[in-house]
Amino acid sequence: AEWPLRPGLLEVGLYNAFFTFNQRLYWQVQGVFMGYCPSPPAAIIRLARCEMNSLYTDAHYIGNPILGLYSRYVDDTGFVAKTKSEALRICAIIARADVDKNIKWEVEYPEEEEYTPFLDTEIKITADGEVLSRYYRKPANKGITLHFNSHHPETTKTAVARNYYKTARDVSSGGEQLEHSLKMVDSLLNKNGYTTPRKFDIPGTTRHKAKRPNRNDVVTLCLPYTTKYDSNRIRNFIKSKNYPITPIFTPGKSLRNILCNSRPLDTNKCTRSNPKLCKVCPKIIKGQCNTKGVVYEVTCLECRGDKSTYIGETSRTLHSRASEHLRAAANPSSQQNNAIGQHYAKAHPGAAANLSFRILDQN
């Protein structure tokens, strides 16, 4: 049965945007913040409505449409105007269409013989009216992409490199602009371990995947990636035996994953971003509330003498699994299949949940 989307649920999502900063909870009363799931569609809908109530209804632009280009991606808009005053007028009539009057445009004008960036492209209009475009990356971009020595299948790294070159060619107008774009991709890939990156630039080719029959009995087999030789042997063996299996090779653990922490200064150790309000954090002896894929030990502190322990495993966060154990201990009849609930029903009926948790290992 279809579940209808109720207006009340949409209002809850849009008008109750909460976030934490410095272990304090804040409520954003105007708009929604970056990183919040409804933010992109909310921005698209709001600006589309403003455009419909301005550019598409203004008598001037109905008879004189914007020359050549008007495009928008979420809240980034690019268009061509004859003068700076005309560009400001277009921005002003869109902003006036906002009922809350909260739209503030940051306008960038093309300087003479200079390019103006828009998303991953920068554009220049010459004195003769010719539009030139080329690939663009922000100066603050760190130039980090999938490294050539990373623990990924060769096909994945090849696809990443080819896509960079394809994008550079798609956004370039040709000639000097194309060569500039290709050199930017060369520099990016060289920085990430690709010694001869141009071998991945194959213009004018499109890879078509063979259509597979629709077979409901095909199963997916996830295996850790070791080497290209081993992966090909496994694929060829499955194909030779005509097994209904699709192998997927995932990056395994490297020494860097095991020995290094890429975010050593990250202090967010709780799923709720506030250990003081968390019911699980105070009960964890060893480990963190937001750790996923763990082997954990639960100790019953109600037991006198030898403490009863339970060892379990979960792919979710420790907070999620520990919360289930705490609920089962507090109300054993609600989760009769839970081992902690069974223990409390038999050994400590009516007692409050008194447990401690400790991480033994992490997958």
Foldseek 3Di string as FASTA:
>chain_A
DDDDDDPVVVCCLFQAAWDDDPQDIDGDRDGHDPPRVCRQVVLVVQLVQLCCVFLVPDPVCVVPPFPDDWDDRRHFIDGDDPDPVVVVVVVVSSLVSRPVSPDDDDDDDADAPGWDDGVQKTWDQHPVRDIFMFGHDDPPDPLDDAAPPAQDDPVVVLVVLQVQLVVRVVGGPDDPRSVVSVVVSVVSRVVRHDPPSCVSHDPPDDDDDDDDDDDPPAEEAEAARDDNVVVVVVVVVCVVVVPSYDYDHDHDDDVCNVPHDPCPPDPQQAPVSHLVPAPANVQEPAGGQQAFFFWKKKWQPVDPDDIDMDIDTGRGGNNVVVVVLQVCLQPVVVPVPDPSNVCCVPPPPPDHGDMHMYTDDGD
